[in-house]
Amino acid sequence: MAESEPPEARERRRESVGRSSGETYVETLLRLAPGAECHRIKPADAGAELPAGAALSGYDGVFLTGSPLHLYKETPETRRAVAFMRAVFASGTPSFGSCAGLQVATVAAGGTVRPNQRGYEAAFARRITPTERGRGHPLLAGRPAAYDAPAVHTDEVETLPEGAVRLAGNRVTAVQAAEIRFDGGVFWGVQYHPELALDEVSGALRRQAGGLVAAGLAGSQDEVDAYADQVEALHRAPGRRDLAWRLGLDEQVTDAATRRTELRNFIEALGGPRGAAPRRP
């Protein structure tokens, strides 16, 4: 589990929802694969290393979290994150990433990232639609012709690397899911967050309230808080049809197992020999 949140963002997230992005990911993965051994590393941090005696090629899979890093900015943190992802590709170990994880993989393989051209995508990405290639791709197996998913991001993939396959998009973000093959490795990624519980969506909204107001998505902090309250209430009572109706959500988001579809599909694709790459559709 590669957590690319810088230390200060990690602590803000812990103060908000009680766990960092990497801690959330590990918790989710262990729900999907009980008994798995997960190592959490922080590749954007100076001096970050794998556990003693470990090598990337020895893992069944590598997962990359979301992060507030902007991959179009040259900083020590982004350089370290991209260098790590290039090492993952070179190791041949299959990898999966959400949000900034997709963006890190894109840049590592030669693509580009930019600020969202259609503005903030916050709380939920709506009406995500698989492409023709995406409809037959195992990453999206089980997803309908259009679906929503948790999402909070201000950046997007501008250009996918050569040979990459766009698997899904929506009106706001053209690349919502993709497969990238580079230097002997394969990566499956999504711009949204299948790993997040709804209380973490509400926490992200509260942390980023100022940006949401500035973007015109809310008129005030109070409006953001009121929306976040409803999302958090739905987290506590996912069967409440009144809240789902008010928020415009269905089981693609409210049902935890369905929300994690892409993660489960990736883990199932790893079911062959240790380190085997997911098959090409």
C-alpha atoms as a PDB file:
ATOM      1  CA  MET A   1       0.000   0.000   0.000  1.00  0.00           C
ATOM      2  CA  ALA A   2       1.728   3.154  -1.249  1.00  0.00           C
ATOM      3  CA  GLU A   3       0.379   6.202   0.594  1.00  0.00           C
ATOM      4  CA  SER A   4       1.403   9.365  -1.230  1.00  0.00           C
ATOM      5  CA  GLU A   5      -0.207  11.874   1.135  1.00  0.00           C
ATOM      6  CA  PRO A   6       2.426  14.267   2.522  1.00  0.00           C
ATOM      7  CA  PRO A   7       2.774  14.107   6.339  1.00  0.00           C
ATOM      8  CA  GLU A   8       0.740  17.262   7.013  1.00  0.00           C
ATOM      9  CA  ALA A   9      -2.161  16.042   4.839  1.00  0.00           C
ATOM     10  CA  ARG A  10      -1.978  12.674   6.551  1.00  0.00           C
ATOM     11  CA  GLU A  11      -2.442  14.292   9.952  1.00  0.00           C
ATOM     12  CA  ARG A  12      -5.288  16.556   8.791  1.00  0.00           C
ATOM     13  CA  ARG A  13      -7.102  13.506   7.497  1.00  0.00           C
ATOM     14  CA  ARG A  14      -6.555  11.627  10.751  1.00  0.00           C
ATOM     15  CA  GLU A  15      -7.942  14.584  12.690  1.00  0.00           C
ATOM     16  CA  SER A  16     -10.983  14.619  10.396  1.00  0.00           C
ATOM     17  CA  VAL A  17     -11.908  10.925  10.044  1.00  0.00           C
ATOM     18  CA  GLY A  18      -9.470   9.089  12.308  1.00  0.00           C
ATOM     19  CA  ARG A  19      -7.292   7.492   9.641  1.00  0.00           C
ATOM     20  CA  SER A  20      -4.934   8.385   6.813  1.00  0.00           C
ATOM     21  CA  SER A  21      -5.646   7.400   3.208  1.00  0.00           C
ATOM     22  CA  GLY A  22      -3.236   4.470   3.497  1.00  0.00           C
ATOM     23  CA  GLU A  23      -4.826   3.260   6.712  1.00  0.00           C
ATOM     24  CA  THR A  24      -8.237   3.404   5.039  1.00  0.00           C
ATOM     25  CA  TYR A  25      -6.915   1.419   2.077  1.00  0.00           C
ATOM     26  CA  VAL A  26      -5.367  -1.290   4.247  1.00  0.00           C
ATOM     27  CA  GLU A  27      -8.599  -1.621   6.227  1.00  0.00           C
ATOM     28  CA  THR A  28     -10.609  -1.963   3.002  1.00  0.00           C
ATOM     29  CA  LEU A  29      -8.209  -4.472   1.448  1.00  0.00           C
ATOM     30  CA  LEU A  30      -8.317  -6.671   4.535  1.00  0.00           C
ATOM     31  CA  ARG A  31     -12.115  -6.700   4.303  1.00  0.00           C
ATOM     32  CA  LEU A  32     -11.826  -7.905   0.708  1.00  0.00           C
ATOM     33  CA  ALA A  33      -8.937 -10.306   1.295  1.00  0.00           C
ATOM     34  CA  PRO A  34      -9.019 -11.483   4.923  1.00  0.00           C
ATOM     35  CA  GLY A  35      -5.675 -12.816   6.059  1.00  0.00           C
ATOM     36  CA  ALA A  36      -3.678 -10.910   3.452  1.00  0.00           C
ATOM     37  CA  GLU A  37      -0.414  -9.346   4.573  1.00  0.00           C
ATOM     38  CA  CYS A  38      -0.330  -5.633   3.785  1.00  0.00           C
ATOM     39  CA  HIS A  39       2.682  -3.328   4.123  1.00  0.00           C
ATOM     40  CA  ARG A  40       2.029   0.427   4.143  1.00  0.00           C
ATOM     41  CA  ILE A  41       4.811   2.644   2.788  1.00  0.00           C
ATOM     42  CA  LYS A  42       5.001   6.377   2.103  1.00  0.00           C
ATOM     43  CA  PRO A  43       6.845   6.915  -1.220  1.00  0.00           C
ATOM     44  CA  ALA A  44       6.336  10.698  -1.279  1.00  0.00           C
ATOM     45  CA  ASP A  45       8.209  11.056   2.038  1.00  0.00           C
ATOM     46  CA  ALA A  46      11.956  11.646   2.096  1.00  0.00           C
ATOM     47  CA  GLY A  47      13.826   8.467   3.013  1.00  0.00           C
ATOM     48  CA  ALA A  48      10.836   6.152   2.592  1.00  0.00           C
ATOM     49  CA  GLU A  49      11.799   2.516   1.999  1.00  0.00           C
ATOM     50  CA  LEU A  50      10.229  -0.902   1.653  1.00  0.00           C
ATOM     51  CA  PRO A  51      10.315  -3.156   4.723  1.00  0.00           C
ATOM     52  CA  ALA A  52      13.715  -4.730   5.348  1.00  0.00           C
ATOM     53  CA  GLY A  53      14.349  -7.593   2.935  1.00  0.00           C
ATOM     54  CA  ALA A  54      11.345  -6.800   0.741  1.00  0.00           C
ATOM     55  CA  ALA A  55      11.372  -6.120  -3.012  1.00  0.00           C
ATOM     56  CA  LEU A  56       8.563  -4.803  -5.204  1.00  0.00           C
ATOM     57  CA  SER A  57       8.753  -7.943  -7.338  1.00  0.00           C
ATOM     58  CA  GLY A  58       7.927 -10.031  -4.275  1.00  0.00           C
ATOM     59  CA  TYR A  59       4.451  -8.560  -3.808  1.00  0.00           C
ATOM     60  CA  ASP A  60       1.250  -9.829  -5.416  1.00  0.00           C
ATOM     61  CA  GLY A  61       0.043  -6.283  -5.999  1.00  0.00           C
ATOM     62  CA  VAL A  62       0.736  -2.628  -5.231  1.00  0.00           C
ATOM     63  CA  PHE A  63      -2.040  -0.148  -4.400  1.00  0.00           C
ATOM     64  CA  LEU A  64      -1.680   3.626  -4.675  1.00  0.00           C
ATOM     65  CA  THR A  65      -3.858   5.961  -2.628  1.00  0.00           C
ATOM     66  CA  GLY A  66      -5.309   9.367  -3.334  1.00  0.00           C
ATOM     67  CA  SER A  67      -3.294  12.436  -2.380  1.00  0.00           C
ATOM     68  CA  PRO A  68      -3.423  16.251  -2.524  1.00  0.00           C
ATOM     69  CA  LEU A  69      -0.239  16.237  -4.639  1.00  0.00           C
ATOM     70  CA  HIS A  70      -0.534  18.013  -7.995  1.00  0.00           C
ATOM     71  CA  LEU A  71       1.327  15.865 -10.507  1.00  0.00           C
ATOM     72  CA  TYR A  72       1.848  18.734 -12.954  1.00  0.00           C
ATOM     73  CA  LYS A  73       3.992  20.496 -10.329  1.00  0.00           C
ATOM     74  CA  GLU A  74       7.657  19.616  -9.963  1.00  0.00           C
ATOM     75  CA  THR A  75       8.246  19.099  -6.241  1.00  0.00           C
ATOM     76  CA  PRO A  76      10.367  16.656  -4.226  1.00  0.00           C
ATOM     77  CA  GLU A  77       7.162  14.815  -3.251  1.00  0.00           C
ATOM     78  CA  THR A  78       5.871  14.401  -6.800  1.00  0.00           C
ATOM     79  CA  ARG A  79       9.323  13.353  -8.045  1.00  0.00           C
ATOM     80  CA  ARG A  80       9.549  10.677  -5.380  1.00  0.00           C
ATOM     81  CA  ALA A  81       6.006   9.409  -6.052  1.00  0.00           C
ATOM     82  CA  VAL A  82       6.624   9.176  -9.806  1.00  0.00           C
ATOM     83  CA  ALA A  83       9.993   7.474  -9.333  1.00  0.00           C
ATOM     84  CA  PHE A  84       8.355   4.903  -7.074  1.00  0.00           C
ATOM     85  CA  MET A  85       5.654   4.205  -9.677  1.00  0.00           C
ATOM     86  CA  ARG A  86       8.267   3.722 -12.389  1.00  0.00           C
ATOM     87  CA  ALA A  87       9.953   1.170 -10.145  1.00  0.00           C
ATOM     88  CA  VAL A  88       6.592  -0.581  -9.710  1.00  0.00           C
ATOM     89  CA  PHE A  89       6.142  -0.786 -13.488  1.00  0.00           C
ATOM     90  CA  ALA A  90       9.699  -2.104 -13.930  1.00  0.00           C
ATOM     91  CA  SER A  91       9.174  -4.747 -11.249  1.00  0.00           C
ATOM     92  CA  GLY A  92       6.314  -6.303 -13.215  1.00  0.00           C
ATOM     93  CA  THR A  93       4.088  -6.331 -10.131  1.00  0.00           C
ATOM     94  CA  PRO A  94       0.461  -5.495 -11.008  1.00  0.00           C
ATOM     95  CA  SER A  95      -0.780  -2.243  -9.494  1.00  0.00           C
ATOM     96  CA  PHE A  96      -4.010  -0.403  -8.820  1.00  0.00           C
ATOM     97  CA  GLY A  97      -4.607   3.226  -7.917  1.00  0.00           C
ATOM     98  CA  SER A  98      -7.450   5.606  -7.211  1.00  0.00           C
ATOM     99  CA  CYS A  99      -7.625   9.367  -7.751  1.00  0.00           C
ATOM    100  CA  ALA A 100      -4.033  10.671  -7.499  1.00  0.00           C
ATOM    101  CA  GLY A 101      -2.896   7.051  -7.852  1.00  0.00           C
ATOM    102  CA  LEU A 102      -4.186   7.087 -11.428  1.00  0.00           C
ATOM    103  CA  GLN A 103      -2.489  10.418 -12.007  1.00  0.00           C
ATOM    104  CA  VAL A 104       0.862   9.198 -10.620  1.00  0.00           C
ATOM    105  CA  ALA A 105       0.772   6.160 -12.901  1.00  0.00           C
ATOM    106  CA  THR A 106      -0.154   8.341 -15.876  1.00  0.00           C
ATOM    107  CA  VAL A 107       2.808  10.677 -15.394  1.00  0.00           C
ATOM    108  CA  ALA A 108       5.204   7.810 -14.629  1.00  0.00           C
ATOM    109  CA  ALA A 109       4.329   6.201 -17.969  1.00  0.00           C
ATOM    110  CA  GLY A 110       4.634   9.426 -19.998  1.00  0.00           C
ATOM    111  CA  GLY A 111       1.143  10.932 -19.869  1.00  0.00           C
ATOM    112  CA  THR A 112       0.077  14.299 -18.484  1.00  0.00           C
ATOM    113  CA  VAL A 113      -2.169  15.664 -15.716  1.00  0.00           C
ATOM    114  CA  ARG A 114      -3.796  19.097 -15.397  1.00  0.00           C
ATOM    115  CA  PRO A 115      -6.282  20.991 -13.207  1.00  0.00           C
ATOM    116  CA  ASN A 116      -9.884  19.921 -13.859  1.00  0.00           C
ATOM    117  CA  GLN A 117     -11.101  21.830 -16.894  1.00  0.00           C
ATOM    118  CA  ARG A 118     -14.741  21.558 -15.797  1.00  0.00           C
ATOM    119  CA  GLY A 119     -14.094  22.392 -12.172  1.00  0.00           C
ATOM    120  CA  TYR A 120     -14.223  20.511  -8.892  1.00  0.00           C
ATOM    121  CA  GLU A 121     -15.699  17.005  -8.841  1.00  0.00           C
ATOM    122  CA  ALA A 122     -16.757  16.663  -5.220  1.00  0.00           C
ATOM    123  CA  ALA A 123     -18.589  14.081  -3.099  1.00  0.00           C
ATOM    124  CA  PHE A 124     -19.669  11.874  -6.004  1.00  0.00           C
ATOM    125  CA  ALA A 125     -18.741  11.442  -9.646  1.00  0.00           C
ATOM    126  CA  ARG A 126     -22.060  11.170 -11.456  1.00  0.00           C
ATOM    127  CA  ARG A 127     -23.084   9.083 -14.463  1.00  0.00           C
ATOM    128  CA  ILE A 128     -19.738   7.426 -15.069  1.00  0.00           C
ATOM    129  CA  THR A 129     -20.031   5.560 -18.374  1.00  0.00           C
ATOM    130  CA  PRO A 130     -17.745   2.726 -19.509  1.00  0.00           C
ATOM    131  CA  THR A 131     -16.229   3.094 -22.956  1.00  0.00           C
ATOM    132  CA  GLU A 132     -16.604   0.338 -25.541  1.00  0.00           C
ATOM    133  CA  ARG A 133     -13.324  -1.165 -24.297  1.00  0.00           C
ATOM    134  CA  GLY A 134     -14.375  -0.601 -20.709  1.00  0.00           C
ATOM    135  CA  ARG A 135     -17.589  -2.568 -21.104  1.00  0.00           C
ATOM    136  CA  GLY A 136     -15.578  -5.737 -21.674  1.00  0.00           C
ATOM    137  CA  HIS A 137     -12.739  -5.006 -19.272  1.00  0.00           C
ATOM    138  CA  PRO A 138     -12.524  -7.064 -16.055  1.00  0.00           C
ATOM    139  CA  LEU A 139     -11.827  -3.949 -13.959  1.00  0.00           C
ATOM    140  CA  LEU A 140     -15.426  -2.784 -14.489  1.00  0.00           C
ATOM    141  CA  ALA A 141     -17.124  -6.186 -14.393  1.00  0.00           C
ATOM    142  CA  GLY A 142     -20.434  -5.802 -12.590  1.00  0.00           C
ATOM    143  CA  ARG A 143     -20.808  -2.065 -13.166  1.00  0.00           C
ATOM    144  CA  PRO A 144     -23.912  -0.962 -15.082  1.00  0.00           C
ATOM    145  CA  ALA A 145     -24.056   1.249 -18.188  1.00  0.00           C
ATOM    146  CA  ALA A 146     -23.886   4.338 -15.937  1.00  0.00           C
ATOM    147  CA  TYR A 147     -23.034   4.598 -12.253  1.00  0.00           C
ATOM    148  CA  ASP A 148     -21.937   7.014  -9.524  1.00  0.00           C
ATOM    149  CA  ALA A 149     -18.947   6.680  -7.184  1.00  0.00           C
ATOM    150  CA  PRO A 150     -17.312   8.626  -4.336  1.00  0.00           C
ATOM    151  CA  ALA A 151     -14.958  11.268  -5.752  1.00  0.00           C
ATOM    152  CA  VAL A 152     -13.160  14.392  -4.571  1.00  0.00           C
ATOM    153  CA  HIS A 153     -10.559  15.838  -6.943  1.00  0.00           C
ATOM    154  CA  THR A 154      -9.412  19.088  -8.496  1.00  0.00           C
ATOM    155  CA  ASP A 155      -7.034  17.532 -11.060  1.00  0.00           C
ATOM    156  CA  GLU A 156      -7.549  15.124 -13.941  1.00  0.00           C
ATOM    157  CA  VAL A 157      -5.672  13.075 -16.510  1.00  0.00           C
ATOM    158  CA  GLU A 158      -5.090  15.254 -19.551  1.00  0.00           C
ATOM    159  CA  THR A 159      -3.350  12.753 -21.854  1.00  0.00           C
ATOM    160  CA  LEU A 160      -3.016   9.038 -21.245  1.00  0.00           C
ATOM    161  CA  PRO A 161       0.352   7.441 -22.015  1.00  0.00           C
ATOM    162  CA  GLU A 162       0.910   5.756 -25.369  1.00  0.00           C
ATOM    163  CA  GLY A 163      -0.826   2.397 -25.483  1.00  0.00           C
ATOM    164  CA  ALA A 164      -3.041   3.068 -22.462  1.00  0.00           C
ATOM    165  CA  VAL A 165      -6.762   2.280 -22.677  1.00  0.00           C
ATOM    166  CA  ARG A 166      -9.455   4.667 -21.452  1.00  0.00           C
ATOM    167  CA  LEU A 167     -12.118   2.529 -19.784  1.00  0.00           C
ATOM    168  CA  ALA A 168     -14.677   5.046 -18.476  1.00  0.00           C
ATOM    169  CA  GLY A 169     -15.492   8.742 -18.283  1.00  0.00           C
ATOM    170  CA  ASN A 170     -18.266  11.192 -17.505  1.00  0.00           C
ATOM    171  CA  ARG A 171     -19.255  14.756 -18.340  1.00  0.00           C
ATOM    172  CA  VAL A 172     -16.837  16.264 -15.810  1.00  0.00           C
ATOM    173  CA  THR A 173     -13.782  14.024 -16.202  1.00  0.00           C
ATOM    174  CA  ALA A 174     -12.952  12.268 -19.458  1.00  0.00           C
ATOM    175  CA  VAL A 175     -10.684   9.651 -17.852  1.00  0.00           C
ATOM    176  CA  GLN A 176     -12.524   8.044 -14.950  1.00  0.00           C
ATOM    177  CA  ALA A 177     -10.878   4.635 -15.416  1.00  0.00           C
ATOM    178  CA  ALA A 178      -7.927   3.358 -17.431  1.00  0.00           C
ATOM    179  CA  GLU A 179      -5.461   0.553 -17.966  1.00  0.00           C
ATOM    180  CA  ILE A 180      -1.805   1.523 -18.395  1.00  0.00           C
ATOM    181  CA  ARG A 181       0.916  -0.888 -19.518  1.00  0.00           C
ATOM    182  CA  PHE A 182       4.483   0.376 -19.308  1.00  0.00           C
ATOM    183  CA  ASP A 183       7.976  -1.103 -18.974  1.00  0.00           C
ATOM    184  CA  GLY A 184       6.708  -4.623 -18.373  1.00  0.00           C
ATOM    185  CA  GLY A 185       4.110  -3.649 -15.773  1.00  0.00           C
ATOM    186  CA  VAL A 186       0.338  -3.235 -15.777  1.00  0.00           C
ATOM    187  CA  PHE A 187      -1.747  -0.728 -13.830  1.00  0.00           C
ATOM    188  CA  TRP A 188      -5.505  -0.475 -13.445  1.00  0.00           C
ATOM    189  CA  GLY A 189      -6.812   2.787 -12.049  1.00  0.00           C
ATOM    190  CA  VAL A 190      -9.858   4.936 -11.413  1.00  0.00           C
ATOM    191  CA  GLN A 191     -10.235   8.664 -10.787  1.00  0.00           C
ATOM    192  CA  TYR A 192     -12.857   7.995  -8.120  1.00  0.00           C
ATOM    193  CA  HIS A 193     -12.545   6.297  -4.712  1.00  0.00           C
ATOM    194  CA  PRO A 194     -13.953   2.756  -4.407  1.00  0.00           C
ATOM    195  CA  GLU A 195     -12.056   2.374  -1.126  1.00  0.00           C
ATOM    196  CA  LEU A 196     -13.853   5.159   0.732  1.00  0.00           C
ATOM    197  CA  ALA A 197     -16.691   4.775   3.205  1.00  0.00           C
ATOM    198  CA  LEU A 198     -19.280   7.540   3.177  1.00  0.00           C
ATOM    199  CA  ASP A 199     -18.084   9.052   6.454  1.00  0.00           C
ATOM    200  CA  GLU A 200     -14.777   9.729   4.710  1.00  0.00           C
ATOM    201  CA  VAL A 201     -16.613  11.466   1.870  1.00  0.00           C
ATOM    202  CA  SER A 202     -18.297  13.727   4.409  1.00  0.00           C
ATOM    203  CA  GLY A 203     -14.939  14.348   6.104  1.00  0.00           C
ATOM    204  CA  ALA A 204     -13.352  15.330   2.787  1.00  0.00           C
ATOM    205  CA  LEU A 205     -16.178  17.779   2.112  1.00  0.00           C
ATOM    206  CA  ARG A 206     -15.665  19.449   5.488  1.00  0.00           C
ATOM    207  CA  ARG A 207     -11.881  19.654   5.020  1.00  0.00           C
ATOM    208  CA  GLN A 208     -12.272  21.216   1.589  1.00  0.00           C
ATOM    209  CA  ALA A 209     -15.292  23.444   2.321  1.00  0.00           C
ATOM    210  CA  GLY A 210     -13.423  26.637   1.444  1.00  0.00           C
ATOM    211  CA  GLY A 211     -12.541  25.318  -1.993  1.00  0.00           C
ATOM    212  CA  LEU A 212     -16.093  24.136  -2.613  1.00  0.00           C
ATOM    213  CA  VAL A 213     -17.485  27.572  -1.770  1.00  0.00           C
ATOM    214  CA  ALA A 214     -14.846  29.275  -3.944  1.00  0.00           C
ATOM    215  CA  ALA A 215     -15.745  26.935  -6.819  1.00  0.00           C
ATOM    216  CA  GLY A 216     -19.417  27.914  -6.551  1.00  0.00           C
ATOM    217  CA  LEU A 217     -20.589  24.444  -5.510  1.00  0.00           C
ATOM    218  CA  ALA A 218     -21.895  25.791  -2.200  1.00  0.00           C
ATOM    219  CA  GLY A 219     -22.865  29.219  -0.949  1.00  0.00           C
ATOM    220  CA  SER A 220     -21.309  28.885   2.494  1.00  0.00           C
ATOM    221  CA  GLN A 221     -19.564  26.643   4.989  1.00  0.00           C
ATOM    222  CA  ASP A 222     -23.005  25.957   6.498  1.00  0.00           C
ATOM    223  CA  GLU A 223     -24.264  24.593   3.183  1.00  0.00           C
ATOM    224  CA  VAL A 224     -21.260  22.277   2.888  1.00  0.00           C
ATOM    225  CA  ASP A 225     -21.810  21.106   6.464  1.00  0.00           C
ATOM    226  CA  ALA A 226     -25.497  20.424   5.810  1.00  0.00           C
ATOM    227  CA  TYR A 227     -24.681  18.314   2.748  1.00  0.00           C
ATOM    228  CA  ALA A 228     -21.900  16.511   4.610  1.00  0.00           C
ATOM    229  CA  ASP A 229     -24.317  15.802   7.469  1.00  0.00           C
ATOM    230  CA  GLN A 230     -26.625  13.961   5.074  1.00  0.00           C
ATOM    231  CA  VAL A 231     -23.757  11.920   3.617  1.00  0.00           C
ATOM    232  CA  GLU A 232     -22.593  11.007   7.109  1.00  0.00           C
ATOM    233  CA  ALA A 233     -26.116  10.048   8.147  1.00  0.00           C
ATOM    234  CA  LEU A 234     -26.332   7.750   5.125  1.00  0.00           C
ATOM    235  CA  HIS A 235     -23.046   6.174   6.203  1.00  0.00           C
ATOM    236  CA  ARG A 236     -24.586   5.381   9.587  1.00  0.00           C
ATOM    237  CA  ALA A 237     -27.840   4.115   8.061  1.00  0.00           C
ATOM    238  CA  PRO A 238     -27.175   2.979   4.454  1.00  0.00           C
ATOM    239  CA  GLY A 239     -30.687   1.567   4.179  1.00  0.00           C
ATOM    240  CA  ARG A 240     -32.348   4.982   4.544  1.00  0.00           C
ATOM    241  CA  ARG A 241     -34.115   5.452   1.244  1.00  0.00           C
ATOM    242  CA  ASP A 242     -35.038   9.040   2.094  1.00  0.00           C
ATOM    243  CA  LEU A 243     -31.381  10.071   2.386  1.00  0.00           C
ATOM    244  CA  ALA A 244     -30.385   8.157  -0.751  1.00  0.00           C
ATOM    245  CA  TRP A 245     -33.231   9.877  -2.617  1.00  0.00           C
ATOM    246  CA  ARG A 246     -32.231  13.337  -1.394  1.00  0.00           C
ATOM    247  CA  LEU A 247     -28.611  12.743  -2.396  1.00  0.00           C
ATOM    248  CA  GLY A 248     -29.549  11.117  -5.710  1.00  0.00           C
ATOM    249  CA  LEU A 249     -27.715   7.869  -4.937  1.00  0.00           C
ATOM    250  CA  ASP A 250     -28.431   4.178  -5.478  1.00  0.00           C
ATOM    251  CA  GLU A 251     -26.826   0.911  -4.428  1.00  0.00           C
ATOM    252  CA  GLN A 252     -23.753   1.593  -6.576  1.00  0.00           C
ATOM    253  CA  VAL A 253     -22.745   3.956  -3.757  1.00  0.00           C
ATOM    254  CA  THR A 254     -24.876   3.043  -0.753  1.00  0.00           C
ATOM    255  CA  ASP A 255     -23.987  -0.670  -0.752  1.00  0.00           C
ATOM    256  CA  ALA A 256     -20.413  -1.093   0.521  1.00  0.00           C
ATOM    257  CA  ALA A 257     -19.707  -4.272  -1.454  1.00  0.00           C
ATOM    258  CA  THR A 258     -20.886  -2.701  -4.717  1.00  0.00           C
ATOM    259  CA  ARG A 259     -18.964   0.496  -4.004  1.00  0.00           C
ATOM    260  CA  ARG A 260     -15.739  -1.565  -3.855  1.00  0.00           C
ATOM    261  CA  THR A 261     -16.317  -3.304  -7.201  1.00  0.00           C
ATOM    262  CA  GLU A 262     -13.067  -2.258  -8.888  1.00  0.00           C
ATOM    263  CA  LEU A 263     -10.901  -3.222  -5.917  1.00  0.00           C
ATOM    264  CA  ARG A 264     -12.521  -6.630  -5.699  1.00  0.00           C
ATOM    265  CA  ASN A 265     -12.140  -7.169  -9.449  1.00  0.00           C
ATOM    266  CA  PHE A 266      -8.445  -6.294  -9.297  1.00  0.00           C
ATOM    267  CA  ILE A 267      -7.823  -8.617  -6.349  1.00  0.00           C
ATOM    268  CA  GLU A 268      -9.651 -11.443  -8.113  1.00  0.00           C
ATOM    269  CA  ALA A 269      -7.515 -10.830 -11.223  1.00  0.00           C
ATOM    270  CA  LEU A 270      -4.436 -11.477  -9.067  1.00  0.00           C
ATOM    271  CA  GLY A 271      -5.683 -14.964  -8.272  1.00  0.00           C
ATOM    272  CA  GLY A 272      -3.058 -16.763 -10.356  1.00  0.00           C
ATOM    273  CA  PRO A 273       0.601 -17.326  -9.456  1.00  0.00           C
ATOM    274  CA  ARG A 274       2.276 -14.864  -7.104  1.00  0.00           C
ATOM    275  CA  GLY A 275       2.890 -11.606  -8.977  1.00  0.00           C
ATOM    276  CA  ALA A 276       0.915 -12.699 -12.054  1.00  0.00           C
ATOM    277  CA  ALA A 277      -0.332  -9.754 -14.120  1.00  0.00           C
ATOM    278  CA  PRO A 278      -4.050  -9.289 -14.695  1.00  0.00           C
ATOM    279  CA  ARG A 279      -5.005 -10.589 -18.103  1.00  0.00           C
ATOM    280  CA  ARG A 280      -5.515  -8.249 -21.035  1.00  0.00           C
ATOM    281  CA  PRO A 281      -9.192  -8.119 -21.997  1.00  0.00           C
END
